[in-house]
Amino acid sequence: MEDIEEIRRKKLEELKREQEEEQVRIQQEIQKQMVFKQILDLKARERLTRIKMANPQYGEQIEAVLLQLLQAGRIKGKLTEEAFKQLIRQVFGGQKKEFHIERR
């Protein structure tokens, strides 16, 4: 009987820990969105959202760069969509994907 109680207790602790981690993740995401609301205009935020939907990893990289630039004091005011696109080209311009199709 003690084994069952021990298993139950461990499972409850694990579920509680996972729930706390999820809450922290949600809170961090909310904070990021608030920051992006302050530094990106509506069109730029929409573009970031579309990028994240199409390619989540690329979207996360862009968010990380935006946060780094903000912390370094290199973003002043809100970025327009054009300024946002230019920033993406400057930072990620060298990362073009090439496709090679071999015919057999």
C-alpha atoms as a PDB file:
ATOM      1  CA  MET A   1       0.000   0.000   0.000  1.00  0.00           C
ATOM      2  CA  GLU A   2       2.854   2.395   0.707  1.00  0.00           C
ATOM      3  CA  ASP A   3       4.154   1.891  -2.825  1.00  0.00           C
ATOM      4  CA  ILE A   4       0.845   2.982  -4.317  1.00  0.00           C
ATOM      5  CA  GLU A   5       0.771   6.086  -2.127  1.00  0.00           C
ATOM      6  CA  GLU A   6       4.377   6.876  -3.028  1.00  0.00           C
ATOM      7  CA  ILE A   7       3.637   6.521  -6.746  1.00  0.00           C
ATOM      8  CA  ARG A   8       0.541   8.674  -6.399  1.00  0.00           C
ATOM      9  CA  ARG A   9       2.473  11.345  -4.494  1.00  0.00           C
ATOM     10  CA  LYS A  10       5.277  11.397  -7.085  1.00  0.00           C
ATOM     11  CA  LYS A  11       2.771  11.658  -9.917  1.00  0.00           C
ATOM     12  CA  LEU A  12       1.015  14.575  -8.212  1.00  0.00           C
ATOM     13  CA  GLU A  13       4.346  16.344  -7.656  1.00  0.00           C
ATOM     14  CA  GLU A  14       5.273  15.828 -11.297  1.00  0.00           C
ATOM     15  CA  LEU A  15       1.922  17.180 -12.500  1.00  0.00           C
ATOM     16  CA  LYS A  16       2.246  20.185 -10.200  1.00  0.00           C
ATOM     17  CA  ARG A  17       5.773  20.902 -11.451  1.00  0.00           C
ATOM     18  CA  GLU A  18       4.654  20.643 -15.086  1.00  0.00           C
ATOM     19  CA  GLN A  19       1.747  22.984 -14.397  1.00  0.00           C
ATOM     20  CA  GLU A  20       4.069  25.526 -12.760  1.00  0.00           C
ATOM     21  CA  GLU A  21       6.481  25.333 -15.709  1.00  0.00           C
ATOM     22  CA  GLU A  22       3.597  25.893 -18.116  1.00  0.00           C
ATOM     23  CA  GLN A  23       2.460  28.928 -16.107  1.00  0.00           C
ATOM     24  CA  VAL A  24       5.987  30.384 -16.230  1.00  0.00           C
ATOM     25  CA  ARG A  25       6.161  29.785 -19.992  1.00  0.00           C
ATOM     26  CA  ILE A  26       2.784  31.461 -20.533  1.00  0.00           C
ATOM     27  CA  GLN A  27       3.813  34.430 -18.377  1.00  0.00           C
ATOM     28  CA  GLN A  28       7.053  34.833 -20.340  1.00  0.00           C
ATOM     29  CA  GLU A  29       5.142  34.720 -23.632  1.00  0.00           C
ATOM     30  CA  ILE A  30       2.723  37.394 -22.391  1.00  0.00           C
ATOM     31  CA  GLN A  31       5.647  39.607 -21.364  1.00  0.00           C
ATOM     32  CA  LYS A  32       7.285  39.153 -24.779  1.00  0.00           C
ATOM     33  CA  GLN A  33       4.060  40.091 -26.547  1.00  0.00           C
ATOM     34  CA  MET A  34       3.771  43.235 -24.412  1.00  0.00           C
ATOM     35  CA  VAL A  35       7.331  44.212 -25.344  1.00  0.00           C
ATOM     36  CA  PHE A  36       6.670  43.595 -29.044  1.00  0.00           C
ATOM     37  CA  LYS A  37       3.518  45.700 -28.798  1.00  0.00           C
ATOM     38  CA  GLN A  38       5.722  48.569 -27.620  1.00  0.00           C
ATOM     39  CA  ILE A  39       8.458  48.234 -30.259  1.00  0.00           C
ATOM     40  CA  LEU A  40       6.549  47.039 -33.364  1.00  0.00           C
ATOM     41  CA  ASP A  41       3.652  48.727 -35.089  1.00  0.00           C
ATOM     42  CA  LEU A  42       0.559  46.701 -35.987  1.00  0.00           C
ATOM     43  CA  LYS A  43       1.726  45.662 -39.476  1.00  0.00           C
ATOM     44  CA  ALA A  44       5.156  44.604 -38.183  1.00  0.00           C
ATOM     45  CA  ARG A  45       3.544  42.518 -35.405  1.00  0.00           C
ATOM     46  CA  GLU A  46       1.273  40.883 -37.970  1.00  0.00           C
ATOM     47  CA  ARG A  47       4.300  40.049 -40.117  1.00  0.00           C
ATOM     48  CA  LEU A  48       6.097  38.541 -37.114  1.00  0.00           C
ATOM     49  CA  THR A  49       3.013  36.449 -36.338  1.00  0.00           C
ATOM     50  CA  ARG A  50       2.856  35.179 -39.933  1.00  0.00           C
ATOM     51  CA  ILE A  51       6.555  34.327 -39.860  1.00  0.00           C
ATOM     52  CA  LYS A  52       6.104  32.401 -36.607  1.00  0.00           C
ATOM     53  CA  MET A  53       3.172  30.457 -38.062  1.00  0.00           C
ATOM     54  CA  ALA A  54       5.089  29.552 -41.225  1.00  0.00           C
ATOM     55  CA  ASN A  55       8.410  28.801 -39.535  1.00  0.00           C
ATOM     56  CA  PRO A  56       8.355  28.780 -35.699  1.00  0.00           C
ATOM     57  CA  GLN A  57      12.139  28.419 -35.320  1.00  0.00           C
ATOM     58  CA  TYR A  58      12.824  31.384 -37.589  1.00  0.00           C
ATOM     59  CA  GLY A  59      10.201  33.418 -35.729  1.00  0.00           C
ATOM     60  CA  GLU A  60      11.847  32.621 -32.397  1.00  0.00           C
ATOM     61  CA  GLN A  61      15.227  33.672 -33.790  1.00  0.00           C
ATOM     62  CA  ILE A  62      13.765  36.985 -34.934  1.00  0.00           C
ATOM     63  CA  GLU A  63      12.172  37.528 -31.519  1.00  0.00           C
ATOM     64  CA  ALA A  64      15.495  36.813 -29.812  1.00  0.00           C
ATOM     65  CA  VAL A  65      17.280  39.325 -32.055  1.00  0.00           C
ATOM     66  CA  LEU A  66      14.608  41.958 -31.380  1.00  0.00           C
ATOM     67  CA  LEU A  67      14.957  41.462 -27.630  1.00  0.00           C
ATOM     68  CA  GLN A  68      18.763  41.665 -27.849  1.00  0.00           C
ATOM     69  CA  LEU A  69      18.599  44.873 -29.875  1.00  0.00           C
ATOM     70  CA  LEU A  70      16.123  46.352 -27.422  1.00  0.00           C
ATOM     71  CA  GLN A  71      18.335  45.479 -24.450  1.00  0.00           C
ATOM     72  CA  ALA A  72      21.330  46.992 -26.237  1.00  0.00           C
ATOM     73  CA  GLY A  73      19.345  50.196 -26.752  1.00  0.00           C
ATOM     74  CA  ARG A  74      19.450  49.961 -30.545  1.00  0.00           C
ATOM     75  CA  ILE A  75      15.667  50.111 -30.993  1.00  0.00           C
ATOM     76  CA  LYS A  76      14.197  53.519 -30.402  1.00  0.00           C
ATOM     77  CA  GLY A  77      10.468  53.953 -30.904  1.00  0.00           C
ATOM     78  CA  LYS A  78       8.234  51.616 -32.869  1.00  0.00           C
ATOM     79  CA  LEU A  79       9.501  49.776 -35.919  1.00  0.00           C
ATOM     80  CA  THR A  80       7.310  50.045 -38.991  1.00  0.00           C
ATOM     81  CA  GLU A  81       6.743  47.038 -41.216  1.00  0.00           C
ATOM     82  CA  GLU A  82       9.339  48.332 -43.697  1.00  0.00           C
ATOM     83  CA  ALA A  83      11.925  48.906 -40.963  1.00  0.00           C
ATOM     84  CA  PHE A  84      11.140  45.439 -39.579  1.00  0.00           C
ATOM     85  CA  LYS A  85      11.630  43.833 -43.014  1.00  0.00           C
ATOM     86  CA  GLN A  86      14.903  45.716 -43.448  1.00  0.00           C
ATOM     87  CA  LEU A  87      16.081  44.546 -40.026  1.00  0.00           C
ATOM     88  CA  ILE A  88      15.292  40.935 -40.928  1.00  0.00           C
ATOM     89  CA  ARG A  89      17.206  41.287 -44.211  1.00  0.00           C
ATOM     90  CA  GLN A  90      20.215  42.792 -42.417  1.00  0.00           C
ATOM     91  CA  VAL A  91      20.340  40.165 -39.699  1.00  0.00           C
ATOM     92  CA  PHE A  92      19.349  37.077 -41.669  1.00  0.00           C
ATOM     93  CA  GLY A  93      20.213  38.139 -45.214  1.00  0.00           C
ATOM     94  CA  GLY A  94      23.063  35.672 -45.551  1.00  0.00           C
ATOM     95  CA  GLN A  95      20.915  32.702 -44.613  1.00  0.00           C
ATOM     96  CA  LYS A  96      19.325  32.021 -47.974  1.00  0.00           C
ATOM     97  CA  LYS A  97      18.076  28.550 -48.587  1.00  0.00           C
ATOM     98  CA  GLU A  98      19.144  26.854 -51.762  1.00  0.00           C
ATOM     99  CA  PHE A  99      17.343  23.990 -53.348  1.00  0.00           C
ATOM    100  CA  HIS A 100      19.000  21.507 -55.656  1.00  0.00           C
ATOM    101  CA  ILE A 101      16.861  19.155 -57.652  1.00  0.00           C
ATOM    102  CA  GLU A 102      18.542  16.117 -59.100  1.00  0.00           C
ATOM    103  CA  ARG A 103      16.928  14.402 -62.013  1.00  0.00           C
ATOM    104  CA  ARG A 104      17.534  10.733 -62.511  1.00  0.00           C
END
